[in-house]
PDB file of N, CA and C in Angstrom:
ATOM      1  N   MET A   1     -35.236  70.314  82.458  1.00  0.00           N
ATOM      2  CA  MET A   1     -35.755  70.925  83.580  1.00  0.00           C
ATOM      3  C   MET A   1     -36.771  72.113  83.261  1.00  0.00           C
ATOM      4  N   SER A   2     -37.752  72.089  84.086  1.00  0.00           N
ATOM      5  CA  SER A   2     -38.839  73.057  83.681  1.00  0.00           C
ATOM      6  C   SER A   2     -38.255  74.494  83.958  1.00  0.00           C
ATOM      7  N   ARG A   3     -38.636  75.430  83.181  1.00  0.00           N
ATOM      8  CA  ARG A   3     -38.256  76.711  83.193  1.00  0.00           C
ATOM      9  C   ARG A   3     -39.222  77.694  83.834  1.00  0.00           C
ATOM     10  N   SER A   4     -40.266  77.250  84.543  1.00  0.00           N
ATOM     11  CA  SER A   4     -41.244  78.041  85.173  1.00  0.00           C
ATOM     12  C   SER A   4     -41.534  77.433  86.585  1.00  0.00           C
ATOM     13  N   CYS A   5     -41.821  78.446  87.546  1.00  0.00           N
ATOM     14  CA  CYS A   5     -42.113  78.076  88.872  1.00  0.00           C
ATOM     15  C   CYS A   5     -43.355  77.325  89.047  1.00  0.00           C
ATOM     16  N   ASP A   6     -43.480  76.321  89.813  1.00  0.00           N
ATOM     17  CA  ASP A   6     -44.760  75.521  90.057  1.00  0.00           C
ATOM     18  C   ASP A   6     -45.583  76.251  91.066  1.00  0.00           C
ATOM     19  N   VAL A   7     -45.045  77.171  91.797  1.00  0.00           N
ATOM     20  CA  VAL A   7     -45.687  77.838  92.815  1.00  0.00           C
ATOM     21  C   VAL A   7     -46.415  79.140  92.437  1.00  0.00           C
ATOM     22  N   CYS A   8     -45.488  80.053  91.838  1.00  0.00           N
ATOM     23  CA  CYS A   8     -45.957  81.439  91.364  1.00  0.00           C
ATOM     24  C   CYS A   8     -46.098  81.422  89.956  1.00  0.00           C
ATOM     25  N   GLY A   9     -45.570  80.648  88.972  1.00  0.00           N
ATOM     26  CA  GLY A   9     -45.758  80.615  87.628  1.00  0.00           C
ATOM     27  C   GLY A   9     -44.662  81.430  86.890  1.00  0.00           C
ATOM     28  N   LYS A  10     -43.715  82.043  87.709  1.00  0.00           N
ATOM     29  CA  LYS A  10     -42.654  82.811  87.005  1.00  0.00           C
ATOM     30  C   LYS A  10     -41.879  82.121  86.009  1.00  0.00           C
ATOM     31  N   GLY A  11     -41.617  82.662  84.895  1.00  0.00           N
ATOM     32  CA  GLY A  11     -40.970  81.964  83.773  1.00  0.00           C
ATOM     33  C   GLY A  11     -40.021  82.865  83.012  1.00  0.00           C
ATOM     34  N   ARG A  12     -39.908  82.742  81.749  1.00  0.00           N
ATOM     35  CA  ARG A  12     -38.999  83.417  80.993  1.00  0.00           C
ATOM     36  C   ARG A  12     -39.579  84.834  80.534  1.00  0.00           C
ATOM     37  N   LEU A  13     -38.804  85.824  80.439  1.00  0.00           N
ATOM     38  CA  LEU A  13     -39.120  87.116  79.932  1.00  0.00           C
ATOM     39  C   LEU A  13     -38.329  87.398  78.734  1.00  0.00           C
ATOM     40  N   SER A  14     -38.978  88.048  77.790  1.00  0.00           N
ATOM     41  CA  SER A  14     -38.100  88.306  76.570  1.00  0.00           C
ATOM     42  C   SER A  14     -37.885  89.791  76.344  1.00  0.00           C
ATOM     43  N   GLY A  15     -36.926  90.184  75.641  1.00  0.00           N
ATOM     44  CA  GLY A  15     -36.568  91.676  75.373  1.00  0.00           C
ATOM     45  C   GLY A  15     -35.677  91.758  74.381  1.00  0.00           C
ATOM     46  N   ASN A  16     -34.776  92.805  74.481  1.00  0.00           N
ATOM     47  CA  ASN A  16     -33.715  93.087  73.411  1.00  0.00           C
ATOM     48  C   ASN A  16     -32.441  93.266  74.015  1.00  0.00           C
ATOM     49  N   ASN A  17     -31.416  92.794  73.316  1.00  0.00           N
ATOM     50  CA  ASN A  17     -29.972  93.305  73.593  1.00  0.00           C
ATOM     51  C   ASN A  17     -29.814  94.553  72.862  1.00  0.00           C
ATOM     52  N   VAL A  18     -29.291  95.568  73.496  1.00  0.00           N
ATOM     53  CA  VAL A  18     -29.129  96.841  72.727  1.00  0.00           C
ATOM     54  C   VAL A  18     -27.668  97.111  72.742  1.00  0.00           C
ATOM     55  N   SER A  19     -27.065  97.145  71.604  1.00  0.00           N
ATOM     56  CA  SER A  19     -25.535  97.407  71.439  1.00  0.00           C
ATOM     57  C   SER A  19     -25.294  98.831  71.596  1.00  0.00           C
ATOM     58  N   HIS A  20     -24.014  99.287  71.672  1.00  0.00           N
ATOM     59  CA  HIS A  20     -23.583 100.577  71.678  1.00  0.00           C
ATOM     60  C   HIS A  20     -23.957 101.466  70.596  1.00  0.00           C
ATOM     61  N   SER A  21     -24.111 100.671  69.450  1.00  0.00           N
ATOM     62  CA  SER A  21     -24.549 101.337  68.145  1.00  0.00           C
ATOM     63  C   SER A  21     -26.106 101.323  68.013  1.00  0.00           C
ATOM     64  N   ASN A  22     -26.786 100.934  69.057  1.00  0.00           N
ATOM     65  CA  ASN A  22     -28.257 100.861  69.113  1.00  0.00           C
ATOM     66  C   ASN A  22     -28.880  99.917  68.307  1.00  0.00           C
ATOM     67  N   ARG A  23     -28.230  98.834  67.990  1.00  0.00           N
ATOM     68  CA  ARG A  23     -28.717  97.730  67.223  1.00  0.00           C
ATOM     69  C   ARG A  23     -29.535  96.782  68.226  1.00  0.00           C
ATOM     70  N   HIS A  24     -30.728  96.396  67.847  1.00  0.00           N
ATOM     71  CA  HIS A  24     -31.584  95.519  68.725  1.00  0.00           C
ATOM     72  C   HIS A  24     -31.613  94.046  68.256  1.00  0.00           C
ATOM     73  N   THR A  25     -31.215  93.093  69.110  1.00  0.00           N
ATOM     74  CA  THR A  25     -31.413  91.695  68.914  1.00  0.00           C
ATOM     75  C   THR A  25     -32.178  91.198  70.038  1.00  0.00           C
ATOM     76  N   ARG A  26     -32.963  90.074  69.753  1.00  0.00           N
ATOM     77  CA  ARG A  26     -33.798  89.503  70.765  1.00  0.00           C
ATOM     78  C   ARG A  26     -33.116  88.677  71.748  1.00  0.00           C
ATOM     79  N   ARG A  27     -33.440  88.609  72.996  1.00  0.00           N
ATOM     80  CA  ARG A  27     -32.829  87.821  73.982  1.00  0.00           C
ATOM     81  C   ARG A  27     -33.925  87.437  75.026  1.00  0.00           C
ATOM     82  N   VAL A  28     -33.503  86.499  75.861  1.00  0.00           N
ATOM     83  CA  VAL A  28     -34.452  86.086  76.958  1.00  0.00           C
ATOM     84  C   VAL A  28     -33.739  86.066  78.289  1.00  0.00           C
ATOM     85  N   TRP A  29     -34.544  86.358  79.371  1.00  0.00           N
ATOM     86  CA  TRP A  29     -34.121  86.255  80.768  1.00  0.00           C
ATOM     87  C   TRP A  29     -34.865  85.035  81.315  1.00  0.00           C
ATOM     88  N   SER A  30     -34.006  84.106  81.864  1.00  0.00           N
ATOM     89  CA  SER A  30     -34.694  82.886  82.563  1.00  0.00           C
ATOM     90  C   SER A  30     -34.821  83.160  84.057  1.00  0.00           C
ATOM     91  N   ALA A  31     -35.856  82.591  84.653  1.00  0.00           N
ATOM     92  CA  ALA A  31     -35.989  82.776  86.166  1.00  0.00           C
ATOM     93  C   ALA A  31     -35.005  81.797  86.718  1.00  0.00           C
ATOM     94  N   ASN A  32     -34.709  82.155  87.937  1.00  0.00           N
ATOM     95  CA  ASN A  32     -33.723  81.242  88.700  1.00  0.00           C
ATOM     96  C   ASN A  32     -34.566  80.117  89.388  1.00  0.00           C
ATOM     97  N   ILE A  33     -34.675  79.001  88.630  1.00  0.00           N
ATOM     98  CA  ILE A  33     -35.394  77.871  88.980  1.00  0.00           C
ATOM     99  C   ILE A  33     -34.507  76.842  89.476  1.00  0.00           C
ATOM    100  N   LYS A  34     -34.995  76.207  90.755  1.00  0.00           N
ATOM    101  CA  LYS A  34     -34.397  75.003  91.370  1.00  0.00           C
ATOM    102  C   LYS A  34     -35.355  73.865  91.494  1.00  0.00           C
ATOM    103  N   LYS A  35     -34.827  72.684  91.387  1.00  0.00           N
ATOM    104  CA  LYS A  35     -35.665  71.483  91.480  1.00  0.00           C
ATOM    105  C   LYS A  35     -35.461  71.125  93.007  1.00  0.00           C
ATOM    106  N   VAL A  36     -36.418  71.118  93.830  1.00  0.00           N
ATOM    107  CA  VAL A  36     -36.396  70.859  95.202  1.00  0.00           C
ATOM    108  C   VAL A  36     -37.455  69.740  95.630  1.00  0.00           C
ATOM    109  N   LYS A  37     -37.248  69.069  96.694  1.00  0.00           N
ATOM    110  CA  LYS A  37     -38.175  68.192  97.262  1.00  0.00           C
ATOM    111  C   LYS A  37     -38.986  68.867  98.264  1.00  0.00           C
ATOM    112  N   ALA A  38     -40.220  69.017  97.985  1.00  0.00           N
ATOM    113  CA  ALA A  38     -41.256  69.673  98.843  1.00  0.00           C
ATOM    114  C   ALA A  38     -42.392  69.000  99.266  1.00  0.00           C
ATOM    115  N   VAL A  39     -43.081  69.359 100.393  1.00  0.00           N
ATOM    116  CA  VAL A  39     -44.193  68.647 100.756  1.00  0.00           C
ATOM    117  C   VAL A  39     -45.403  69.205 100.051  1.00  0.00           C
ATOM    118  N   VAL A  40     -46.049  68.315  99.242  1.00  0.00           N
ATOM    119  CA  VAL A  40     -47.290  68.635  98.387  1.00  0.00           C
ATOM    120  C   VAL A  40     -48.403  67.759  98.785  1.00  0.00           C
ATOM    121  N   ASN A  41     -49.521  68.283  99.326  1.00  0.00           N
ATOM    122  CA  ASN A  41     -50.549  67.526  99.730  1.00  0.00           C
ATOM    123  C   ASN A  41     -50.234  66.347 100.738  1.00  0.00           C
ATOM    124  N   GLY A  42     -49.291  66.698 101.676  1.00  0.00           N
ATOM    125  CA  GLY A  42     -48.872  65.810 102.766  1.00  0.00           C
ATOM    126  C   GLY A  42     -47.758  64.726 102.366  1.00  0.00           C
ATOM    127  N   SER A  43     -47.407  64.692 101.071  1.00  0.00           N
ATOM    128  CA  SER A  43     -46.374  63.793 100.675  1.00  0.00           C
ATOM    129  C   SER A  43     -45.187  64.526  99.938  1.00  0.00           C
ATOM    130  N   PRO A  44     -44.075  63.995 100.202  1.00  0.00           N
ATOM    131  CA  PRO A  44     -42.841  64.641  99.415  1.00  0.00           C
ATOM    132  C   PRO A  44     -42.948  64.434  97.906  1.00  0.00           C
ATOM    133  N   LYS A  45     -42.606  65.484  97.238  1.00  0.00           N
ATOM    134  CA  LYS A  45     -42.671  65.510  95.705  1.00  0.00           C
ATOM    135  C   LYS A  45     -41.501  66.422  95.257  1.00  0.00           C
ATOM    136  N   ARG A  46     -40.979  66.223  94.125  1.00  0.00           N
ATOM    137  CA  ARG A  46     -39.957  66.956  93.512  1.00  0.00           C
ATOM    138  C   ARG A  46     -40.537  67.910  92.600  1.00  0.00           C
ATOM    139  N   ILE A  47     -40.478  69.296  92.938  1.00  0.00           N
ATOM    140  CA  ILE A  47     -41.094  70.282  92.002  1.00  0.00           C
ATOM    141  C   ILE A  47     -40.089  71.428  91.636  1.00  0.00           C
ATOM    142  N   SER A  48     -40.370  72.103  90.579  1.00  0.00           N
ATOM    143  CA  SER A  48     -39.462  73.258  90.259  1.00  0.00           C
ATOM    144  C   SER A  48     -40.071  74.574  90.932  1.00  0.00           C
ATOM    145  N   VAL A  49     -39.021  75.141  91.579  1.00  0.00           N
ATOM    146  CA  VAL A  49     -39.479  76.342  92.309  1.00  0.00           C
ATOM    147  C   VAL A  49     -38.589  77.508  92.131  1.00  0.00           C
ATOM    148  N   CYS A  50     -38.924  78.756  91.988  1.00  0.00           N
ATOM    149  CA  CYS A  50     -37.933  79.936  91.833  1.00  0.00           C
ATOM    150  C   CYS A  50     -37.416  80.152  93.256  1.00  0.00           C
ATOM    151  N   THR A  51     -36.232  80.800  93.212  1.00  0.00           N
ATOM    152  CA  THR A  51     -35.625  81.072  94.533  1.00  0.00           C
ATOM    153  C   THR A  51     -36.296  82.182  95.310  1.00  0.00           C
ATOM    154  N   ARG A  52     -37.088  82.924  94.716  1.00  0.00           N
ATOM    155  CA  ARG A  52     -37.894  83.966  95.350  1.00  0.00           C
ATOM    156  C   ARG A  52     -38.941  83.328  96.255  1.00  0.00           C
ATOM    157  N   CYS A  53     -39.616  82.196  95.818  1.00  0.00           N
ATOM    158  CA  CYS A  53     -40.603  81.499  96.679  1.00  0.00           C
ATOM    159  C   CYS A  53     -39.901  80.713  97.663  1.00  0.00           C
ATOM    160  N   LEU A  54     -38.645  80.098  97.442  1.00  0.00           N
ATOM    161  CA  LEU A  54     -37.955  79.429  98.458  1.00  0.00           C
ATOM    162  C   LEU A  54     -37.553  80.413  99.553  1.00  0.00           C
ATOM    163  N   ARG A  55     -37.148  81.534  99.217  1.00  0.00           N
ATOM    164  CA  ARG A  55     -36.708  82.565 100.224  1.00  0.00           C
ATOM    165  C   ARG A  55     -37.704  83.081 101.043  1.00  0.00           C
ATOM    166  N   SER A  56     -38.928  83.156 100.467  1.00  0.00           N
ATOM    167  CA  SER A  56     -40.172  83.680 101.203  1.00  0.00           C
ATOM    168  C   SER A  56     -40.994  82.590 101.911  1.00  0.00           C
ATOM    169  N   ASN A  57     -40.544  81.378 101.968  1.00  0.00           N
ATOM    170  CA  ASN A  57     -41.113  80.209 102.700  1.00  0.00           C
ATOM    171  C   ASN A  57     -42.538  79.997 102.095  1.00  0.00           C
ATOM    172  N   LYS A  58     -42.770  80.135 100.818  1.00  0.00           N
ATOM    173  CA  LYS A  58     -44.016  79.793 100.219  1.00  0.00           C
ATOM    174  C   LYS A  58     -44.031  78.177  99.920  1.00  0.00           C
ATOM    175  N   VAL A  59     -42.967  77.531 100.161  1.00  0.00           N
ATOM    176  CA  VAL A  59     -42.672  76.083  99.932  1.00  0.00           C
ATOM    177  C   VAL A  59     -42.224  75.482 101.178  1.00  0.00           C
ATOM    178  N   GLU A  60     -42.830  74.395 101.590  1.00  0.00           N
ATOM    179  CA  GLU A  60     -42.367  73.597 102.777  1.00  0.00           C
ATOM    180  C   GLU A  60     -41.375  72.568 102.210  1.00  0.00           C
ATOM    181  N   ARG A  61     -40.088  72.638 102.570  1.00  0.00           N
ATOM    182  CA  ARG A  61     -39.157  71.732 102.094  1.00  0.00           C
ATOM    183  C   ARG A  61     -39.246  70.357 102.791  1.00  0.00           C
ATOM    184  N   ALA A  62     -39.125  69.215 102.034  1.00  0.00           N
ATOM    185  CA  ALA A  62     -39.146  67.934 102.618  1.00  0.00           C
ATOM    186  C   ALA A  62     -37.707  67.458 102.883  1.00  0.00           C
ATOM    187  N   ILE A  63     -37.450  66.867 103.977  1.00  0.00           N
ATOM    188  CA  ILE A  63     -36.070  66.404 104.360  1.00  0.00           C
ATOM    189  C   ILE A  63     -35.998  64.898 104.295  1.00  0.00           C
TER     190      ILE A  63
END
């Protein structure tokens, strides 16, 4: 499954886990990506879209 949005390009962010003793280890945050069937150029196609784009109606869902 694709880990980036095909509409806005949102993907993974990286940073640090910081423990109580202030030790730093690397970690990643993944975007909330869903595979949906959407209308692309007039025909239905399955694309990966983040939930923010789904909620803000940037994608026309195909039924």
